[in-house]
């Protein structure tokens, strides 16, 4: 699969902070020996990041609403779990980003 262990950006619609959070998640999962896919095409949309070994999806969002989360969870019913990372709670300092995200990655 072309997506495995390669970090891809979206088609230009994601901001720098979104990409940096996705890159940090990618790095953390790879350091843990996981196979990771980014920008994975699904029928309805694109998934930001998938831990392929545990079938866990990570979605980086800017202030996700309850409705958006519920809709996305239904769309991603093929994975075991979906984690949403809200950008507004992520530090702007890249040096702090990894330590904050390590607390959330399973």
PDB file of N, CA and C in Angstrom:
ATOM      1  N   UNK A   1       0.853  -1.180   0.000  1.00  0.00           N
ATOM      2  CA  UNK A   1       0.000   0.000   0.000  1.00  0.00           C
ATOM      3  C   UNK A   1       0.897   1.241   0.000  1.00  0.00           C
ATOM      4  N   UNK A   2       0.568   2.186  -0.837  1.00  0.00           N
ATOM      5  CA  UNK A   2       1.426   3.360  -0.984  1.00  0.00           C
ATOM      6  C   UNK A   2       1.440   4.262   0.244  1.00  0.00           C
ATOM      7  N   UNK A   3       0.449   4.148   1.088  1.00  0.00           N
ATOM      8  CA  UNK A   3       0.341   5.046   2.237  1.00  0.00           C
ATOM      9  C   UNK A   3       1.197   4.635   3.430  1.00  0.00           C
ATOM     10  N   UNK A   4       1.625   3.402   3.474  1.00  0.00           N
ATOM     11  CA  UNK A   4       2.251   2.869   4.677  1.00  0.00           C
ATOM     12  C   UNK A   4       3.598   3.535   4.967  1.00  0.00           C
ATOM     13  N   UNK A   5       3.687   4.078   6.193  1.00  0.00           N
ATOM     14  CA  UNK A   5       4.907   4.691   6.718  1.00  0.00           C
ATOM     15  C   UNK A   5       5.418   5.867   5.886  1.00  0.00           C
ATOM     16  N   UNK A   6       4.511   6.551   5.224  1.00  0.00           N
ATOM     17  CA  UNK A   6       4.843   7.781   4.491  1.00  0.00           C
ATOM     18  C   UNK A   6       3.959   8.901   5.019  1.00  0.00           C
ATOM     19  N   UNK A   7       4.557  10.035   5.260  1.00  0.00           N
ATOM     20  CA  UNK A   7       3.811  11.188   5.770  1.00  0.00           C
ATOM     21  C   UNK A   7       3.392  12.063   4.601  1.00  0.00           C
ATOM     22  N   UNK A   8       2.090  12.167   4.389  1.00  0.00           N
ATOM     23  CA  UNK A   8       1.546  12.977   3.301  1.00  0.00           C
ATOM     24  C   UNK A   8       0.793  14.176   3.867  1.00  0.00           C
ATOM     25  N   UNK A   9       0.860  15.277   3.151  1.00  0.00           N
ATOM     26  CA  UNK A   9       0.009  16.419   3.502  1.00  0.00           C
ATOM     27  C   UNK A   9      -1.252  16.310   2.656  1.00  0.00           C
ATOM     28  N   UNK A  10      -2.251  17.096   3.019  1.00  0.00           N
ATOM     29  CA  UNK A  10      -3.494  17.054   2.249  1.00  0.00           C
ATOM     30  C   UNK A  10      -3.309  17.817   0.951  1.00  0.00           C
ATOM     31  N   UNK A  11      -4.407  18.040   0.280  1.00  0.00           N
ATOM     32  CA  UNK A  11      -4.349  18.737  -1.000  1.00  0.00           C
ATOM     33  C   UNK A  11      -4.226  20.252  -0.850  1.00  0.00           C
ATOM     34  N   UNK A  12      -3.628  20.692   0.226  1.00  0.00           N
ATOM     35  CA  UNK A  12      -3.405  22.122   0.415  1.00  0.00           C
ATOM     36  C   UNK A  12      -4.412  22.807   1.312  1.00  0.00           C
ATOM     37  N   UNK A  13      -5.373  22.053   1.816  1.00  0.00           N
ATOM     38  CA  UNK A  13      -6.415  22.652   2.647  1.00  0.00           C
ATOM     39  C   UNK A  13      -6.072  22.668   4.133  1.00  0.00           C
ATOM     40  N   UNK A  14      -5.030  21.948   4.529  1.00  0.00           N
ATOM     41  CA  UNK A  14      -4.694  21.926   5.948  1.00  0.00           C
ATOM     42  C   UNK A  14      -3.673  23.008   6.258  1.00  0.00           C
ATOM     43  N   UNK A  15      -3.817  23.594   7.432  1.00  0.00           N
ATOM     44  CA  UNK A  15      -2.889  24.629   7.866  1.00  0.00           C
ATOM     45  C   UNK A  15      -1.606  24.019   8.403  1.00  0.00           C
ATOM     46  N   UNK A  16      -0.646  24.878   8.694  1.00  0.00           N
ATOM     47  CA  UNK A  16       0.650  24.420   9.179  1.00  0.00           C
ATOM     48  C   UNK A  16       0.522  23.693  10.517  1.00  0.00           C
ATOM     49  N   UNK A  17      -0.277  24.224  11.431  1.00  0.00           N
ATOM     50  CA  UNK A  17      -0.434  23.581  12.736  1.00  0.00           C
ATOM     51  C   UNK A  17      -1.061  22.195  12.572  1.00  0.00           C
ATOM     52  N   UNK A  18      -2.039  22.079  11.697  1.00  0.00           N
ATOM     53  CA  UNK A  18      -2.671  20.788  11.418  1.00  0.00           C
ATOM     54  C   UNK A  18      -1.607  19.795  10.942  1.00  0.00           C
ATOM     55  N   UNK A  19      -0.781  20.208   9.999  1.00  0.00           N
ATOM     56  CA  UNK A  19       0.255  19.324   9.475  1.00  0.00           C
ATOM     57  C   UNK A  19       1.281  18.956  10.552  1.00  0.00           C
ATOM     58  N   UNK A  20       1.663  19.908  11.373  1.00  0.00           N
ATOM     59  CA  UNK A  20       2.659  19.635  12.411  1.00  0.00           C
ATOM     60  C   UNK A  20       2.126  18.651  13.446  1.00  0.00           C
ATOM     61  N   UNK A  21       0.852  18.771  13.808  1.00  0.00           N
ATOM     62  CA  UNK A  21       0.250  17.817  14.743  1.00  0.00           C
ATOM     63  C   UNK A  21       0.221  16.428  14.106  1.00  0.00           C
ATOM     64  N   UNK A  22      -0.186  16.358  12.852  1.00  0.00           N
ATOM     65  CA  UNK A  22      -0.215  15.072  12.151  1.00  0.00           C
ATOM     66  C   UNK A  22       1.189  14.480  12.062  1.00  0.00           C
ATOM     67  N   UNK A  23       2.177  15.309  11.764  1.00  0.00           N
ATOM     68  CA  UNK A  23       3.564  14.840  11.667  1.00  0.00           C
ATOM     69  C   UNK A  23       4.063  14.327  13.020  1.00  0.00           C
ATOM     70  N   UNK A  24       3.704  15.018  14.096  1.00  0.00           N
ATOM     71  CA  UNK A  24       4.119  14.587  15.434  1.00  0.00           C
ATOM     72  C   UNK A  24       3.464  13.250  15.792  1.00  0.00           C
ATOM     73  N   UNK A  25       2.184  13.097  15.487  1.00  0.00           N
ATOM     74  CA  UNK A  25       1.502  11.826  15.725  1.00  0.00           C
ATOM     75  C   UNK A  25       2.167  10.706  14.926  1.00  0.00           C
ATOM     76  N   UNK A  26       2.472  10.988  13.673  1.00  0.00           N
ATOM     77  CA  UNK A  26       3.152  10.030  12.806  1.00  0.00           C
ATOM     78  C   UNK A  26       4.471   9.581  13.438  1.00  0.00           C
ATOM     79  N   UNK A  27       5.257  10.527  13.891  1.00  0.00           N
ATOM     80  CA  UNK A  27       6.570  10.239  14.480  1.00  0.00           C
ATOM     81  C   UNK A  27       6.430   9.389  15.756  1.00  0.00           C
ATOM     82  N   UNK A  28       5.490   9.754  16.606  1.00  0.00           N
ATOM     83  CA  UNK A  28       5.276   9.013  17.853  1.00  0.00           C
ATOM     84  C   UNK A  28       4.895   7.561  17.550  1.00  0.00           C
ATOM     85  N   UNK A  29       3.968   7.372  16.634  1.00  0.00           N
ATOM     86  CA  UNK A  29       3.534   6.016  16.299  1.00  0.00           C
ATOM     87  C   UNK A  29       4.657   5.208  15.650  1.00  0.00           C
ATOM     88  N   UNK A  30       5.430   5.825  14.776  1.00  0.00           N
ATOM     89  CA  UNK A  30       6.553   5.122  14.135  1.00  0.00           C
ATOM     90  C   UNK A  30       7.608   4.748  15.171  1.00  0.00           C
ATOM     91  N   UNK A  31       7.860   5.649  16.137  1.00  0.00           N
ATOM     92  CA  UNK A  31       8.823   5.340  17.198  1.00  0.00           C
ATOM     93  C   UNK A  31       8.375   4.146  18.031  1.00  0.00           C
ATOM     94  N   UNK A  32       7.082   3.916  18.071  1.00  0.00           N
ATOM     95  CA  UNK A  32       6.532   2.777  18.811  1.00  0.00           C
ATOM     96  C   UNK A  32       6.440   1.532  17.937  1.00  0.00           C
ATOM     97  N   UNK A  33       7.003   1.616  16.746  1.00  0.00           N
ATOM     98  CA  UNK A  33       7.064   0.468  15.859  1.00  0.00           C
ATOM     99  C   UNK A  33       5.789   0.171  15.097  1.00  0.00           C
ATOM    100  N   UNK A  34       4.878   1.112  15.036  1.00  0.00           N
ATOM    101  CA  UNK A  34       3.599   0.899  14.357  1.00  0.00           C
ATOM    102  C   UNK A  34       3.704   1.204  12.865  1.00  0.00           C
ATOM    103  N   UNK A  35       2.900   0.513  12.079  1.00  0.00           N
ATOM    104  CA  UNK A  35       2.738   0.870  10.669  1.00  0.00           C
ATOM    105  C   UNK A  35       1.682   1.967  10.620  1.00  0.00           C
ATOM    106  N   UNK A  36       1.988   3.041   9.928  1.00  0.00           N
ATOM    107  CA  UNK A  36       1.131   4.227   9.930  1.00  0.00           C
ATOM    108  C   UNK A  36       0.793   4.627   8.496  1.00  0.00           C
ATOM    109  N   UNK A  37      -0.435   5.037   8.292  1.00  0.00           N
ATOM    110  CA  UNK A  37      -0.867   5.558   6.999  1.00  0.00           C
ATOM    111  C   UNK A  37      -1.455   6.947   7.209  1.00  0.00           C
ATOM    112  N   UNK A  38      -1.159   7.864   6.299  1.00  0.00           N
ATOM    113  CA  UNK A  38      -1.716   9.212   6.376  1.00  0.00           C
ATOM    114  C   UNK A  38      -2.481   9.531   5.095  1.00  0.00           C
ATOM    115  N   UNK A  39      -3.464  10.416   5.243  1.00  0.00           N
ATOM    116  CA  UNK A  39      -4.297  10.841   4.110  1.00  0.00           C
ATOM    117  C   UNK A  39      -4.871   9.630   3.378  1.00  0.00           C
ATOM    118  N   UNK A  40      -5.516   8.764   4.151  1.00  0.00           N
ATOM    119  CA  UNK A  40      -6.064   7.523   3.616  1.00  0.00           C
ATOM    120  C   UNK A  40      -7.445   7.781   3.011  1.00  0.00           C
ATOM    121  N   UNK A  41      -7.604   7.404   1.749  1.00  0.00           N
ATOM    122  CA  UNK A  41      -8.884   7.556   1.065  1.00  0.00           C
ATOM    123  C   UNK A  41      -9.873   6.521   1.567  1.00  0.00           C
ATOM    124  N   UNK A  42     -11.034   7.011   1.978  1.00  0.00           N
ATOM    125  CA  UNK A  42     -12.156   6.123   2.280  1.00  0.00           C
ATOM    126  C   UNK A  42     -13.300   6.575   1.393  1.00  0.00           C
ATOM    127  N   UNK A  43     -14.373   5.861   1.411  1.00  0.00           N
ATOM    128  CA  UNK A  43     -15.485   6.175   0.505  1.00  0.00           C
ATOM    129  C   UNK A  43     -15.997   7.599   0.698  1.00  0.00           C
ATOM    130  N   UNK A  44     -16.198   8.022   1.934  1.00  0.00           N
ATOM    131  CA  UNK A  44     -16.797   9.316   2.207  1.00  0.00           C
ATOM    132  C   UNK A  44     -15.799  10.471   2.202  1.00  0.00           C
ATOM    133  N   UNK A  45     -14.530  10.204   2.500  1.00  0.00           N
ATOM    134  CA  UNK A  45     -13.602  11.307   2.757  1.00  0.00           C
ATOM    135  C   UNK A  45     -12.173  10.781   2.851  1.00  0.00           C
ATOM    136  N   UNK A  46     -11.333  11.523   3.564  1.00  0.00           N
ATOM    137  CA  UNK A  46      -9.944  11.144   3.789  1.00  0.00           C
ATOM    138  C   UNK A  46      -9.672  11.144   5.292  1.00  0.00           C
ATOM    139  N   UNK A  47      -8.991  10.119   5.762  1.00  0.00           N
ATOM    140  CA  UNK A  47      -8.622  10.010   7.173  1.00  0.00           C
ATOM    141  C   UNK A  47      -7.226  10.596   7.339  1.00  0.00           C
ATOM    142  N   UNK A  48      -7.035  11.458   8.353  1.00  0.00           N
ATOM    143  CA  UNK A  48      -5.730  12.085   8.571  1.00  0.00           C
ATOM    144  C   UNK A  48      -4.635  11.058   8.809  1.00  0.00           C
ATOM    145  N   UNK A  49      -4.858  10.145   9.742  1.00  0.00           N
ATOM    146  CA  UNK A  49      -3.804   9.210  10.130  1.00  0.00           C
ATOM    147  C   UNK A  49      -4.426   7.934  10.678  1.00  0.00           C
ATOM    148  N   UNK A  50      -3.864   6.776  10.303  1.00  0.00           N
ATOM    149  CA  UNK A  50      -4.361   5.495  10.809  1.00  0.00           C
ATOM    150  C   UNK A  50      -3.188   4.672  11.321  1.00  0.00           C
ATOM    151  N   UNK A  51      -3.314   4.195  12.558  1.00  0.00           N
ATOM    152  CA  UNK A  51      -2.399   3.215  13.131  1.00  0.00           C
ATOM    153  C   UNK A  51      -2.891   1.879  12.586  1.00  0.00           C
ATOM    154  N   UNK A  52      -2.198   1.367  11.582  1.00  0.00           N
ATOM    155  CA  UNK A  52      -2.673   0.176  10.879  1.00  0.00           C
ATOM    156  C   UNK A  52      -2.551  -1.098  11.709  1.00  0.00           C
ATOM    157  N   UNK A  53      -1.620  -1.123  12.639  1.00  0.00           N
ATOM    158  CA  UNK A  53      -1.456  -2.317  13.460  1.00  0.00           C
ATOM    159  C   UNK A  53      -2.581  -2.490  14.470  1.00  0.00           C
ATOM    160  N   UNK A  54      -3.139  -1.386  14.943  1.00  0.00           N
ATOM    161  CA  UNK A  54      -4.211  -1.438  15.939  1.00  0.00           C
ATOM    162  C   UNK A  54      -5.555  -0.964  15.407  1.00  0.00           C
ATOM    163  N   UNK A  55      -5.587  -0.586  14.124  1.00  0.00           N
ATOM    164  CA  UNK A  55      -6.798  -0.056  13.489  1.00  0.00           C
ATOM    165  C   UNK A  55      -7.426   1.086  14.293  1.00  0.00           C
ATOM    166  N   UNK A  56      -6.584   2.073  14.595  1.00  0.00           N
ATOM    167  CA  UNK A  56      -7.032   3.271  15.300  1.00  0.00           C
ATOM    168  C   UNK A  56      -6.818   4.468  14.376  1.00  0.00           C
ATOM    169  N   UNK A  57      -7.869   5.259  14.198  1.00  0.00           N
ATOM    170  CA  UNK A  57      -7.781   6.463  13.366  1.00  0.00           C
ATOM    171  C   UNK A  57      -7.563   7.674  14.260  1.00  0.00           C
ATOM    172  N   UNK A  58      -6.774   8.613  13.757  1.00  0.00           N
ATOM    173  CA  UNK A  58      -6.544   9.890  14.435  1.00  0.00           C
ATOM    174  C   UNK A  58      -6.976  10.990  13.487  1.00  0.00           C
ATOM    175  N   UNK A  59      -7.890  11.826  13.944  1.00  0.00           N
ATOM    176  CA  UNK A  59      -8.367  12.942  13.144  1.00  0.00           C
ATOM    177  C   UNK A  59      -7.961  14.244  13.820  1.00  0.00           C
ATOM    178  N   UNK A  60      -7.303  15.103  13.078  1.00  0.00           N
ATOM    179  CA  UNK A  60      -6.882  16.406  13.581  1.00  0.00           C
ATOM    180  C   UNK A  60      -7.931  17.411  13.113  1.00  0.00           C
ATOM    181  N   UNK A  61      -8.564  18.071  14.051  1.00  0.00           N
ATOM    182  CA  UNK A  61      -9.670  18.972  13.737  1.00  0.00           C
ATOM    183  C   UNK A  61      -9.519  20.304  14.454  1.00  0.00           C
ATOM    184  N   UNK A  62     -10.132  21.302  13.883  1.00  0.00           N
ATOM    185  CA  UNK A  62     -10.170  22.618  14.497  1.00  0.00           C
ATOM    186  C   UNK A  62     -11.556  22.812  15.098  1.00  0.00           C
ATOM    187  N   UNK A  63     -11.669  22.672  16.407  1.00  0.00           N
ATOM    188  CA  UNK A  63     -12.931  22.802  17.144  1.00  0.00           C
ATOM    189  C   UNK A  63     -14.024  21.878  16.598  1.00  0.00           C
ATOM    190  N   UNK A  64     -13.829  20.575  16.683  1.00  0.00           N
ATOM    191  CA  UNK A  64     -14.858  19.659  16.168  1.00  0.00           C
ATOM    192  C   UNK A  64     -16.137  19.738  16.996  1.00  0.00           C
ATOM    193  N   UNK A  65     -17.254  19.722  16.319  1.00  0.00           N
ATOM    194  CA  UNK A  65     -18.550  19.747  16.996  1.00  0.00           C
ATOM    195  C   UNK A  65     -18.971  18.322  17.330  1.00  0.00           C
ATOM    196  N   UNK A  66     -19.927  18.202  18.234  1.00  0.00           N
ATOM    197  CA  UNK A  66     -20.448  16.888  18.603  1.00  0.00           C
ATOM    198  C   UNK A  66     -21.022  16.184  17.369  1.00  0.00           C
ATOM    199  N   UNK A  67     -21.763  16.932  16.545  1.00  0.00           N
ATOM    200  CA  UNK A  67     -22.348  16.354  15.332  1.00  0.00           C
ATOM    201  C   UNK A  67     -21.276  15.845  14.373  1.00  0.00           C
ATOM    202  N   UNK A  68     -20.214  16.634  14.195  1.00  0.00           N
ATOM    203  CA  UNK A  68     -19.138  16.231  13.290  1.00  0.00           C
ATOM    204  C   UNK A  68     -18.438  14.974  13.809  1.00  0.00           C
ATOM    205  N   UNK A  69     -18.212  14.918  15.114  1.00  0.00           N
ATOM    206  CA  UNK A  69     -17.563  13.746  15.712  1.00  0.00           C
ATOM    207  C   UNK A  69     -18.432  12.506  15.522  1.00  0.00           C
ATOM    208  N   UNK A  70     -19.725  12.621  15.815  1.00  0.00           N
ATOM    209  CA  UNK A  70     -20.624  11.479  15.668  1.00  0.00           C
ATOM    210  C   UNK A  70     -20.687  10.996  14.221  1.00  0.00           C
ATOM    211  N   UNK A  71     -20.754  11.939  13.279  1.00  0.00           N
ATOM    212  CA  UNK A  71     -20.794  11.596  11.857  1.00  0.00           C
ATOM    213  C   UNK A  71     -19.510  10.881  11.447  1.00  0.00           C
ATOM    214  N   UNK A  72     -18.383  11.409  11.902  1.00  0.00           N
ATOM    215  CA  UNK A  72     -17.085  10.841  11.523  1.00  0.00           C
ATOM    216  C   UNK A  72     -16.900   9.446  12.114  1.00  0.00           C
ATOM    217  N   UNK A  73     -17.344   9.248  13.338  1.00  0.00           N
ATOM    218  CA  UNK A  73     -17.238   7.929  13.970  1.00  0.00           C
ATOM    219  C   UNK A  73     -18.039   6.895  13.166  1.00  0.00           C
ATOM    220  N   UNK A  74     -19.216   7.270  12.690  1.00  0.00           N
ATOM    221  CA  UNK A  74     -20.017   6.362  11.858  1.00  0.00           C
ATOM    222  C   UNK A  74     -19.306   6.057  10.545  1.00  0.00           C
ATOM    223  N   UNK A  75     -18.703   7.085   9.933  1.00  0.00           N
ATOM    224  CA  UNK A  75     -17.987   6.892   8.670  1.00  0.00           C
ATOM    225  C   UNK A  75     -16.782   5.974   8.836  1.00  0.00           C
ATOM    226  N   UNK A  76     -16.198   5.987  10.019  1.00  0.00           N
ATOM    227  CA  UNK A  76     -14.995   5.196  10.287  1.00  0.00           C
ATOM    228  C   UNK A  76     -15.301   3.936  11.091  1.00  0.00           C
ATOM    229  N   UNK A  77     -16.446   3.351  10.833  1.00  0.00           N
ATOM    230  CA  UNK A  77     -16.877   2.177  11.596  1.00  0.00           C
ATOM    231  C   UNK A  77     -15.967   0.962  11.378  1.00  0.00           C
ATOM    232  N   UNK A  78     -15.132   0.992  10.377  1.00  0.00           N
ATOM    233  CA  UNK A  78     -14.230  -0.129  10.093  1.00  0.00           C
ATOM    234  C   UNK A  78     -12.996  -0.152  10.998  1.00  0.00           C
ATOM    235  N   UNK A  79     -12.759   0.930  11.763  1.00  0.00           N
ATOM    236  CA  UNK A  79     -11.624   0.948  12.688  1.00  0.00           C
ATOM    237  C   UNK A  79     -12.118   0.629  14.095  1.00  0.00           C
ATOM    238  N   UNK A  80     -11.175   0.261  14.967  1.00  0.00           N
ATOM    239  CA  UNK A  80     -11.546  -0.081  16.348  1.00  0.00           C
ATOM    240  C   UNK A  80     -11.866   1.150  17.176  1.00  0.00           C
ATOM    241  N   UNK A  81     -11.176   2.270  16.869  1.00  0.00           N
ATOM    242  CA  UNK A  81     -11.392   3.491  17.633  1.00  0.00           C
ATOM    243  C   UNK A  81     -10.970   4.698  16.810  1.00  0.00           C
ATOM    244  N   UNK A  82     -11.506   5.853  17.172  1.00  0.00           N
ATOM    245  CA  UNK A  82     -11.154   7.110  16.509  1.00  0.00           C
ATOM    246  C   UNK A  82     -10.821   8.123  17.596  1.00  0.00           C
ATOM    247  N   UNK A  83      -9.652   8.742  17.473  1.00  0.00           N
ATOM    248  CA  UNK A  83      -9.256   9.799  18.393  1.00  0.00           C
ATOM    249  C   UNK A  83      -9.279  11.119  17.652  1.00  0.00           C
ATOM    250  N   UNK A  84      -9.896  12.115  18.265  1.00  0.00           N
ATOM    251  CA  UNK A  84      -9.947  13.453  17.688  1.00  0.00           C
ATOM    252  C   UNK A  84      -8.987  14.352  18.449  1.00  0.00           C
ATOM    253  N   UNK A  85      -8.114  15.013  17.723  1.00  0.00           N
ATOM    254  CA  UNK A  85      -7.171  15.951  18.311  1.00  0.00           C
ATOM    255  C   UNK A  85      -7.649  17.340  17.939  1.00  0.00           C
ATOM    256  N   UNK A  86      -8.061  18.108  18.938  1.00  0.00           N
ATOM    257  CA  UNK A  86      -8.570  19.461  18.719  1.00  0.00           C
ATOM    258  C   UNK A  86      -7.394  20.434  18.716  1.00  0.00           C
ATOM    259  N   UNK A  87      -7.199  21.093  17.593  1.00  0.00           N
ATOM    260  CA  UNK A  87      -6.054  22.004  17.438  1.00  0.00           C
ATOM    261  C   UNK A  87      -6.024  23.125  18.467  1.00  0.00           C
ATOM    262  N   UNK A  88      -7.200  23.552  18.922  1.00  0.00           N
ATOM    263  CA  UNK A  88      -7.203  24.679  19.858  1.00  0.00           C
ATOM    264  C   UNK A  88      -6.570  24.317  21.203  1.00  0.00           C
ATOM    265  N   UNK A  89      -6.457  23.008  21.489  1.00  0.00           N
ATOM    266  CA  UNK A  89      -5.837  22.569  22.742  1.00  0.00           C
ATOM    267  C   UNK A  89      -4.379  22.155  22.574  1.00  0.00           C
ATOM    268  N   UNK A  90      -3.880  22.251  21.366  1.00  0.00           N
ATOM    269  CA  UNK A  90      -2.489  21.877  21.098  1.00  0.00           C
ATOM    270  C   UNK A  90      -1.580  23.095  21.223  1.00  0.00           C
ATOM    271  N   UNK A  91      -0.396  22.919  21.813  1.00  0.00           N
ATOM    272  CA  UNK A  91       0.516  24.062  21.965  1.00  0.00           C
ATOM    273  C   UNK A  91       1.035  24.555  20.614  1.00  0.00           C
ATOM    274  N   UNK A  92       1.299  25.837  20.546  1.00  0.00           N
ATOM    275  CA  UNK A  92       1.872  26.412  19.333  1.00  0.00           C
ATOM    276  C   UNK A  92       3.364  26.142  19.243  1.00  0.00           C
ATOM    277  N   UNK A  93       3.989  25.892  20.378  1.00  0.00           N
ATOM    278  CA  UNK A  93       5.420  25.618  20.411  1.00  0.00           C
ATOM    279  C   UNK A  93       5.656  24.169  19.994  1.00  0.00           C
ATOM    280  N   UNK A  94       6.351  23.993  18.898  1.00  0.00           N
ATOM    281  CA  UNK A  94       6.587  22.647  18.360  1.00  0.00           C
ATOM    282  C   UNK A  94       7.360  21.761  19.336  1.00  0.00           C
ATOM    283  N   UNK A  95       8.178  22.362  20.171  1.00  0.00           N
ATOM    284  CA  UNK A  95       8.960  21.587  21.134  1.00  0.00           C
ATOM    285  C   UNK A  95       8.060  20.953  22.201  1.00  0.00           C
ATOM    286  N   UNK A  96       6.921  21.570  22.476  1.00  0.00           N
ATOM    287  CA  UNK A  96       5.991  21.037  23.477  1.00  0.00           C
ATOM    288  C   UNK A  96       4.991  20.047  22.879  1.00  0.00           C
ATOM    289  N   UNK A  97       4.823  20.095  21.584  1.00  0.00           N
ATOM    290  CA  UNK A  97       3.789  19.318  20.906  1.00  0.00           C
ATOM    291  C   UNK A  97       3.936  17.814  21.136  1.00  0.00           C
ATOM    292  N   UNK A  98       5.130  17.299  20.955  1.00  0.00           N
ATOM    293  CA  UNK A  98       5.349  15.860  21.110  1.00  0.00           C
ATOM    294  C   UNK A  98       4.999  15.349  22.490  1.00  0.00           C
ATOM    295  N   UNK A  99       5.421  16.077  23.523  1.00  0.00           N
ATOM    296  CA  UNK A  99       5.150  15.610  24.886  1.00  0.00           C
ATOM    297  C   UNK A  99       3.658  15.652  25.209  1.00  0.00           C
ATOM    298  N   UNK A 100       2.954  16.623  24.666  1.00  0.00           N
ATOM    299  CA  UNK A 100       1.502  16.693  24.879  1.00  0.00           C
ATOM    300  C   UNK A 100       0.808  15.542  24.168  1.00  0.00           C
ATOM    301  N   UNK A 101       1.190  15.286  22.916  1.00  0.00           N
ATOM    302  CA  UNK A 101       0.519  14.241  22.142  1.00  0.00           C
ATOM    303  C   UNK A 101       0.842  12.839  22.646  1.00  0.00           C
ATOM    304  N   UNK A 102       2.020  12.630  23.205  1.00  0.00           N
ATOM    305  CA  UNK A 102       2.380  11.301  23.723  1.00  0.00           C
ATOM    306  C   UNK A 102       1.410  10.832  24.790  1.00  0.00           C
ATOM    307  N   UNK A 103       0.763  11.755  25.467  1.00  0.00           N
ATOM    308  CA  UNK A 103      -0.201  11.403  26.512  1.00  0.00           C
ATOM    309  C   UNK A 103      -1.494  10.824  25.921  1.00  0.00           C
ATOM    310  N   UNK A 104      -1.767  11.157  24.650  1.00  0.00           N
ATOM    311  CA  UNK A 104      -3.009  10.731  24.017  1.00  0.00           C
ATOM    312  C   UNK A 104      -2.879   9.505  23.123  1.00  0.00           C
ATOM    313  N   UNK A 105      -1.681   9.246  22.652  1.00  0.00           N
ATOM    314  CA  UNK A 105      -1.488   8.144  21.703  1.00  0.00           C
ATOM    315  C   UNK A 105      -1.524   6.820  22.440  1.00  0.00           C
ATOM    316  N   UNK A 106      -2.325   5.891  21.922  1.00  0.00           N
ATOM    317  CA  UNK A 106      -2.457   4.595  22.559  1.00  0.00           C
ATOM    318  C   UNK A 106      -1.528   3.600  21.906  1.00  0.00           C
TER     319      UNK A 106
END
